[in-house]
Amino acid sequence: MNTLLIVTGIICIVISLFIFIPAIKKANTAKEKWGEILEFVLDPFTGLTGVFYLGLLLIFFGLVRMFELI
């Protein structure tokens, strides 16, 4: 079960990053690129940023259960 949580978390992160990376490549200036990064990180419940944070939580929970901290 722990391994399944970690693998699912990694899949969620990879999916969200595959959609996030082209948005950064479209930005021309460094200011626009930083704006894209901040938009991705600071808007946790819009678009696929929620999937990224869900992946982080799944990985964290899987690791906590793997090391029997919970």
PDB file of N, CA and C in Angstrom:
ATOM      1  N   MET A   1       0.823  -1.193   0.000  1.00  0.00           N
ATOM      2  CA  MET A   1       0.000   0.000   0.000  1.00  0.00           C
ATOM      3  C   MET A   1       0.873   1.266   0.000  1.00  0.00           C
ATOM      4  N   ASN A   2       1.951   1.217   0.761  1.00  0.00           N
ATOM      5  CA  ASN A   2       2.830   2.387   0.843  1.00  0.00           C
ATOM      6  C   ASN A   2       3.468   2.678  -0.506  1.00  0.00           C
ATOM      7  N   THR A   3       3.907   1.624  -1.181  1.00  0.00           N
ATOM      8  CA  THR A   3       4.527   1.794  -2.487  1.00  0.00           C
ATOM      9  C   THR A   3       3.517   2.346  -3.482  1.00  0.00           C
ATOM     10  N   LEU A   4       2.286   1.897  -3.392  1.00  0.00           N
ATOM     11  CA  LEU A   4       1.237   2.393  -4.282  1.00  0.00           C
ATOM     12  C   LEU A   4       0.999   3.889  -4.079  1.00  0.00           C
ATOM     13  N   LEU A   5       1.026   4.336  -2.833  1.00  0.00           N
ATOM     14  CA  LEU A   5       0.859   5.766  -2.556  1.00  0.00           C
ATOM     15  C   LEU A   5       1.998   6.580  -3.153  1.00  0.00           C
ATOM     16  N   ILE A   6       3.215   6.088  -3.010  1.00  0.00           N
ATOM     17  CA  ILE A   6       4.378   6.809  -3.527  1.00  0.00           C
ATOM     18  C   ILE A   6       4.354   6.847  -5.049  1.00  0.00           C
ATOM     19  N   VAL A   7       4.033   5.721  -5.689  1.00  0.00           N
ATOM     20  CA  VAL A   7       3.981   5.679  -7.151  1.00  0.00           C
ATOM     21  C   VAL A   7       2.874   6.577  -7.678  1.00  0.00           C
ATOM     22  N   THR A   8       1.723   6.560  -7.039  1.00  0.00           N
ATOM     23  CA  THR A   8       0.621   7.431  -7.452  1.00  0.00           C
ATOM     24  C   THR A   8       1.003   8.900  -7.300  1.00  0.00           C
ATOM     25  N   GLY A   9       1.706   9.228  -6.232  1.00  0.00           N
ATOM     26  CA  GLY A   9       2.170  10.602  -6.034  1.00  0.00           C
ATOM     27  C   GLY A   9       3.138  11.037  -7.113  1.00  0.00           C
ATOM     28  N   ILE A  10       4.039  10.151  -7.479  1.00  0.00           N
ATOM     29  CA  ILE A  10       4.998  10.479  -8.542  1.00  0.00           C
ATOM     30  C   ILE A  10       4.283  10.673  -9.868  1.00  0.00           C
ATOM     31  N   ILE A  11       3.306   9.834 -10.156  1.00  0.00           N
ATOM     32  CA  ILE A  11       2.536   9.977 -11.400  1.00  0.00           C
ATOM     33  C   ILE A  11       1.806  11.318 -11.425  1.00  0.00           C
ATOM     34  N   CYS A  12       1.212  11.712 -10.314  1.00  0.00           N
ATOM     35  CA  CYS A  12       0.510  13.006 -10.248  1.00  0.00           C
ATOM     36  C   CYS A  12       1.476  14.166 -10.493  1.00  0.00           C
ATOM     37  N   ILE A  13       2.657  14.105  -9.905  1.00  0.00           N
ATOM     38  CA  ILE A  13       3.632  15.174 -10.080  1.00  0.00           C
ATOM     39  C   ILE A  13       4.121  15.235 -11.521  1.00  0.00           C
ATOM     40  N   VAL A  14       4.387  14.082 -12.112  1.00  0.00           N
ATOM     41  CA  VAL A  14       4.874  14.049 -13.488  1.00  0.00           C
ATOM     42  C   VAL A  14       3.824  14.603 -14.446  1.00  0.00           C
ATOM     43  N   ILE A  15       2.570  14.238 -14.260  1.00  0.00           N
ATOM     44  CA  ILE A  15       1.499  14.749 -15.122  1.00  0.00           C
ATOM     45  C   ILE A  15       1.408  16.260 -15.029  1.00  0.00           C
ATOM     46  N   SER A  16       1.435  16.782 -13.816  1.00  0.00           N
ATOM     47  CA  SER A  16       1.312  18.237 -13.665  1.00  0.00           C
ATOM     48  C   SER A  16       2.530  18.961 -14.228  1.00  0.00           C
ATOM     49  N   LEU A  17       3.720  18.381 -14.093  1.00  0.00           N
ATOM     50  CA  LEU A  17       4.914  19.040 -14.626  1.00  0.00           C
ATOM     51  C   LEU A  17       4.959  18.996 -16.150  1.00  0.00           C
ATOM     52  N   PHE A  18       4.450  17.917 -16.761  1.00  0.00           N
ATOM     53  CA  PHE A  18       4.422  17.861 -18.220  1.00  0.00           C
ATOM     54  C   PHE A  18       3.522  18.943 -18.808  1.00  0.00           C
ATOM     55  N   ILE A  19       2.538  19.367 -18.074  1.00  0.00           N
ATOM     56  CA  ILE A  19       1.675  20.446 -18.561  1.00  0.00           C
ATOM     57  C   ILE A  19       2.252  21.809 -18.171  1.00  0.00           C
ATOM     58  N   PHE A  20       3.006  21.859 -17.079  1.00  0.00           N
ATOM     59  CA  PHE A  20       3.580  23.116 -16.595  1.00  0.00           C
ATOM     60  C   PHE A  20       4.802  23.547 -17.409  1.00  0.00           C
ATOM     61  N   ILE A  21       5.638  22.634 -17.827  1.00  0.00           N
ATOM     62  CA  ILE A  21       6.882  22.963 -18.527  1.00  0.00           C
ATOM     63  C   ILE A  21       6.641  23.703 -19.842  1.00  0.00           C
ATOM     64  N   PRO A  22       5.684  23.310 -20.680  1.00  0.00           N
ATOM     65  CA  PRO A  22       5.456  24.095 -21.903  1.00  0.00           C
ATOM     66  C   PRO A  22       5.015  25.536 -21.628  1.00  0.00           C
ATOM     67  N   ALA A  23       4.320  25.756 -20.523  1.00  0.00           N
ATOM     68  CA  ALA A  23       3.924  27.125 -20.178  1.00  0.00           C
ATOM     69  C   ALA A  23       5.139  27.977 -19.874  1.00  0.00           C
ATOM     70  N   ILE A  24       6.145  27.397 -19.250  1.00  0.00           N
ATOM     71  CA  ILE A  24       7.374  28.146 -18.969  1.00  0.00           C
ATOM     72  C   ILE A  24       8.133  28.406 -20.268  1.00  0.00           C
ATOM     73  N   LYS A  25       8.155  27.429 -21.160  1.00  0.00           N
ATOM     74  CA  LYS A  25       8.886  27.598 -22.414  1.00  0.00           C
ATOM     75  C   LYS A  25       8.253  28.670 -23.303  1.00  0.00           C
ATOM     76  N   LYS A  26       6.951  28.901 -23.167  1.00  0.00           N
ATOM     77  CA  LYS A  26       6.274  29.919 -23.968  1.00  0.00           C
ATOM     78  C   LYS A  26       6.612  31.331 -23.500  1.00  0.00           C
ATOM     79  N   ALA A  27       6.966  31.470 -22.234  1.00  0.00           N
ATOM     80  CA  ALA A  27       7.298  32.792 -21.693  1.00  0.00           C
ATOM     81  C   ALA A  27       8.614  33.269 -22.306  1.00  0.00           C
ATOM     82  N   ASN A  28       8.635  34.539 -22.683  1.00  0.00           N
ATOM     83  CA  ASN A  28       9.812  35.093 -23.363  1.00  0.00           C
ATOM     84  C   ASN A  28      10.846  35.672 -22.410  1.00  0.00           C
ATOM     85  N   THR A  29      10.406  36.428 -21.444  1.00  0.00           N
ATOM     86  CA  THR A  29      11.354  37.102 -20.552  1.00  0.00           C
ATOM     87  C   THR A  29      11.451  36.348 -19.224  1.00  0.00           C
ATOM     88  N   ALA A  30      12.475  36.688 -18.476  1.00  0.00           N
ATOM     89  CA  ALA A  30      12.653  36.064 -17.160  1.00  0.00           C
ATOM     90  C   ALA A  30      11.517  36.442 -16.227  1.00  0.00           C
ATOM     91  N   LYS A  31      11.018  37.661 -16.371  1.00  0.00           N
ATOM     92  CA  LYS A  31       9.909  38.109 -15.533  1.00  0.00           C
ATOM     93  C   LYS A  31       8.660  37.273 -15.800  1.00  0.00           C
ATOM     94  N   GLU A  32       8.394  36.972 -17.062  1.00  0.00           N
ATOM     95  CA  GLU A  32       7.239  36.146 -17.409  1.00  0.00           C
ATOM     96  C   GLU A  32       7.424  34.713 -16.902  1.00  0.00           C
ATOM     97  N   LYS A  33       8.638  34.201 -16.968  1.00  0.00           N
ATOM     98  CA  LYS A  33       8.909  32.849 -16.482  1.00  0.00           C
ATOM     99  C   LYS A  33       8.706  32.766 -14.969  1.00  0.00           C
ATOM    100  N   TRP A  34       9.208  33.761 -14.241  1.00  0.00           N
ATOM    101  CA  TRP A  34       8.981  33.787 -12.798  1.00  0.00           C
ATOM    102  C   TRP A  34       7.501  33.930 -12.485  1.00  0.00           C
ATOM    103  N   GLY A  35       6.800  34.694 -13.297  1.00  0.00           N
ATOM    104  CA  GLY A  35       5.354  34.824 -13.118  1.00  0.00           C
ATOM    105  C   GLY A  35       4.636  33.499 -13.296  1.00  0.00           C
ATOM    106  N   GLU A  36       5.058  32.707 -14.285  1.00  0.00           N
ATOM    107  CA  GLU A  36       4.474  31.377 -14.496  1.00  0.00           C
ATOM    108  C   GLU A  36       4.762  30.456 -13.317  1.00  0.00           C
ATOM    109  N   ILE A  37       5.992  30.506 -12.813  1.00  0.00           N
ATOM    110  CA  ILE A  37       6.363  29.656 -11.681  1.00  0.00           C
ATOM    111  C   ILE A  37       5.555  30.036 -10.446  1.00  0.00           C
ATOM    112  N   LEU A  38       5.470  31.325 -10.173  1.00  0.00           N
ATOM    113  CA  LEU A  38       4.701  31.769  -9.004  1.00  0.00           C
ATOM    114  C   LEU A  38       3.224  31.447  -9.146  1.00  0.00           C
ATOM    115  N   GLU A  39       2.701  31.568 -10.356  1.00  0.00           N
ATOM    116  CA  GLU A  39       1.303  31.218 -10.580  1.00  0.00           C
ATOM    117  C   GLU A  39       1.071  29.736 -10.315  1.00  0.00           C
ATOM    118  N   PHE A  40       2.017  28.905 -10.738  1.00  0.00           N
ATOM    119  CA  PHE A  40       1.894  27.464 -10.530  1.00  0.00           C
ATOM    120  C   PHE A  40       1.954  27.108  -9.050  1.00  0.00           C
ATOM    121  N   VAL A  41       2.844  27.750  -8.312  1.00  0.00           N
ATOM    122  CA  VAL A  41       3.044  27.410  -6.904  1.00  0.00           C
ATOM    123  C   VAL A  41       1.982  28.031  -6.002  1.00  0.00           C
ATOM    124  N   LEU A  42       1.571  29.250  -6.288  1.00  0.00           N
ATOM    125  CA  LEU A  42       0.694  29.971  -5.372  1.00  0.00           C
ATOM    126  C   LEU A  42      -0.796  29.772  -5.621  1.00  0.00           C
ATOM    127  N   ASP A  43      -1.171  29.169  -6.726  1.00  0.00           N
ATOM    128  CA  ASP A  43      -2.587  28.901  -6.990  1.00  0.00           C
ATOM    129  C   ASP A  43      -2.858  27.414  -6.826  1.00  0.00           C
ATOM    130  N   PRO A  44      -2.941  26.931  -5.589  1.00  0.00           N
ATOM    131  CA  PRO A  44      -2.969  25.488  -5.372  1.00  0.00           C
ATOM    132  C   PRO A  44      -4.253  24.795  -5.801  1.00  0.00           C
ATOM    133  N   PHE A  45      -5.324  25.514  -5.964  1.00  0.00           N
ATOM    134  CA  PHE A  45      -6.573  24.840  -6.286  1.00  0.00           C
ATOM    135  C   PHE A  45      -7.101  25.212  -7.657  1.00  0.00           C
ATOM    136  N   THR A  46      -6.221  25.653  -8.534  1.00  0.00           N
ATOM    137  CA  THR A  46      -6.635  25.967  -9.898  1.00  0.00           C
ATOM    138  C   THR A  46      -5.852  25.109 -10.862  1.00  0.00           C
ATOM    139  N   GLY A  47      -6.529  24.530 -11.781  1.00  0.00           N
ATOM    140  CA  GLY A  47      -5.859  23.737 -12.806  1.00  0.00           C
ATOM    141  C   GLY A  47      -5.172  22.513 -12.240  1.00  0.00           C
ATOM    142  N   LEU A  48      -4.012  22.229 -12.782  1.00  0.00           N
ATOM    143  CA  LEU A  48      -3.296  21.026 -12.371  1.00  0.00           C
ATOM    144  C   LEU A  48      -2.324  21.250 -11.230  1.00  0.00           C
ATOM    145  N   THR A  49      -2.299  22.438 -10.681  1.00  0.00           N
ATOM    146  CA  THR A  49      -1.457  22.659  -9.515  1.00  0.00           C
ATOM    147  C   THR A  49      -1.966  21.827  -8.342  1.00  0.00           C
ATOM    148  N   GLY A  50      -3.275  21.651  -8.270  1.00  0.00           N
ATOM    149  CA  GLY A  50      -3.848  20.787  -7.234  1.00  0.00           C
ATOM    150  C   GLY A  50      -3.361  19.363  -7.352  1.00  0.00           C
ATOM    151  N   VAL A  51      -3.181  18.882  -8.575  1.00  0.00           N
ATOM    152  CA  VAL A  51      -2.664  17.529  -8.790  1.00  0.00           C
ATOM    153  C   VAL A  51      -1.219  17.437  -8.307  1.00  0.00           C
ATOM    154  N   PHE A  52      -0.446  18.492  -8.506  1.00  0.00           N
ATOM    155  CA  PHE A  52       0.944  18.530  -8.029  1.00  0.00           C
ATOM    156  C   PHE A  52       0.983  18.407  -6.511  1.00  0.00           C
ATOM    157  N   TYR A  53       0.167  19.220  -5.827  1.00  0.00           N
ATOM    158  CA  TYR A  53       0.158  19.170  -4.369  1.00  0.00           C
ATOM    159  C   TYR A  53      -0.421  17.854  -3.857  1.00  0.00           C
ATOM    160  N   LEU A  54      -1.379  17.286  -4.562  1.00  0.00           N
ATOM    161  CA  LEU A  54      -1.901  15.976  -4.198  1.00  0.00           C
ATOM    162  C   LEU A  54      -0.793  14.929  -4.294  1.00  0.00           C
ATOM    163  N   GLY A  55       0.016  15.010  -5.339  1.00  0.00           N
ATOM    164  CA  GLY A  55       1.145  14.100  -5.482  1.00  0.00           C
ATOM    165  C   GLY A  55       2.136  14.230  -4.336  1.00  0.00           C
ATOM    166  N   LEU A  56       2.421  15.466  -3.939  1.00  0.00           N
ATOM    167  CA  LEU A  56       3.333  15.671  -2.800  1.00  0.00           C
ATOM    168  C   LEU A  56       2.767  15.068  -1.521  1.00  0.00           C
ATOM    169  N   LEU A  57       1.468  15.252  -1.303  1.00  0.00           N
ATOM    170  CA  LEU A  57       0.844  14.690  -0.104  1.00  0.00           C
ATOM    171  C   LEU A  57       0.845  13.167  -0.132  1.00  0.00           C
ATOM    172  N   LEU A  58       0.583  12.575  -1.295  1.00  0.00           N
ATOM    173  CA  LEU A  58       0.594  11.124  -1.401  1.00  0.00           C
ATOM    174  C   LEU A  58       1.989  10.555  -1.130  1.00  0.00           C
ATOM    175  N   ILE A  59       3.006  11.202  -1.677  1.00  0.00           N
ATOM    176  CA  ILE A  59       4.372  10.745  -1.428  1.00  0.00           C
ATOM    177  C   ILE A  59       4.720  10.889   0.050  1.00  0.00           C
ATOM    178  N   PHE A  60       4.381  12.006   0.642  1.00  0.00           N
ATOM    179  CA  PHE A  60       4.663  12.234   2.058  1.00  0.00           C
ATOM    180  C   PHE A  60       3.962  11.193   2.922  1.00  0.00           C
ATOM    181  N   PHE A  61       2.683  10.958   2.665  1.00  0.00           N
ATOM    182  CA  PHE A  61       1.926   9.998   3.458  1.00  0.00           C
ATOM    183  C   PHE A  61       2.466   8.584   3.260  1.00  0.00           C
ATOM    184  N   GLY A  62       2.846   8.245   2.028  1.00  0.00           N
ATOM    185  CA  GLY A  62       3.432   6.930   1.773  1.00  0.00           C
ATOM    186  C   GLY A  62       4.730   6.730   2.509  1.00  0.00           C
ATOM    187  N   LEU A  63       5.576   7.758   2.537  1.00  0.00           N
ATOM    188  CA  LEU A  63       6.850   7.648   3.256  1.00  0.00           C
ATOM    189  C   LEU A  63       6.639   7.567   4.766  1.00  0.00           C
ATOM    190  N   VAL A  64       5.685   8.327   5.276  1.00  0.00           N
ATOM    191  CA  VAL A  64       5.403   8.283   6.711  1.00  0.00           C
ATOM    192  C   VAL A  64       4.917   6.896   7.103  1.00  0.00           C
ATOM    193  N   ARG A  65       4.019   6.315   6.302  1.00  0.00           N
ATOM    194  CA  ARG A  65       3.529   4.976   6.608  1.00  0.00           C
ATOM    195  C   ARG A  65       4.607   3.923   6.407  1.00  0.00           C
ATOM    196  N   MET A  66       5.506   4.130   5.447  1.00  0.00           N
ATOM    197  CA  MET A  66       6.563   3.163   5.200  1.00  0.00           C
ATOM    198  C   MET A  66       7.515   3.072   6.383  1.00  0.00           C
ATOM    199  N   PHE A  67       7.825   4.210   6.965  1.00  0.00           N
ATOM    200  CA  PHE A  67       8.720   4.231   8.116  1.00  0.00           C
ATOM    201  C   PHE A  67       7.976   4.125   9.441  1.00  0.00           C
ATOM    202  N   GLU A  68       6.690   3.807   9.373  1.00  0.00           N
ATOM    203  CA  GLU A  68       5.827   3.562  10.531  1.00  0.00           C
ATOM    204  C   GLU A  68       5.861   4.707  11.541  1.00  0.00           C
ATOM    205  N   LEU A  69       5.773   5.911  11.022  1.00  0.00           N
ATOM    206  CA  LEU A  69       5.722   7.080  11.899  1.00  0.00           C
ATOM    207  C   LEU A  69       4.285   7.424  12.273  1.00  0.00           C
ATOM    208  N   ILE A  70       3.345   6.764  11.650  1.00  0.00           N
ATOM    209  CA  ILE A  70       1.930   7.036  11.944  1.00  0.00           C
ATOM    210  C   ILE A  70       1.248   5.759  12.369  1.00  0.00           C
TER     211      ILE A  70
END
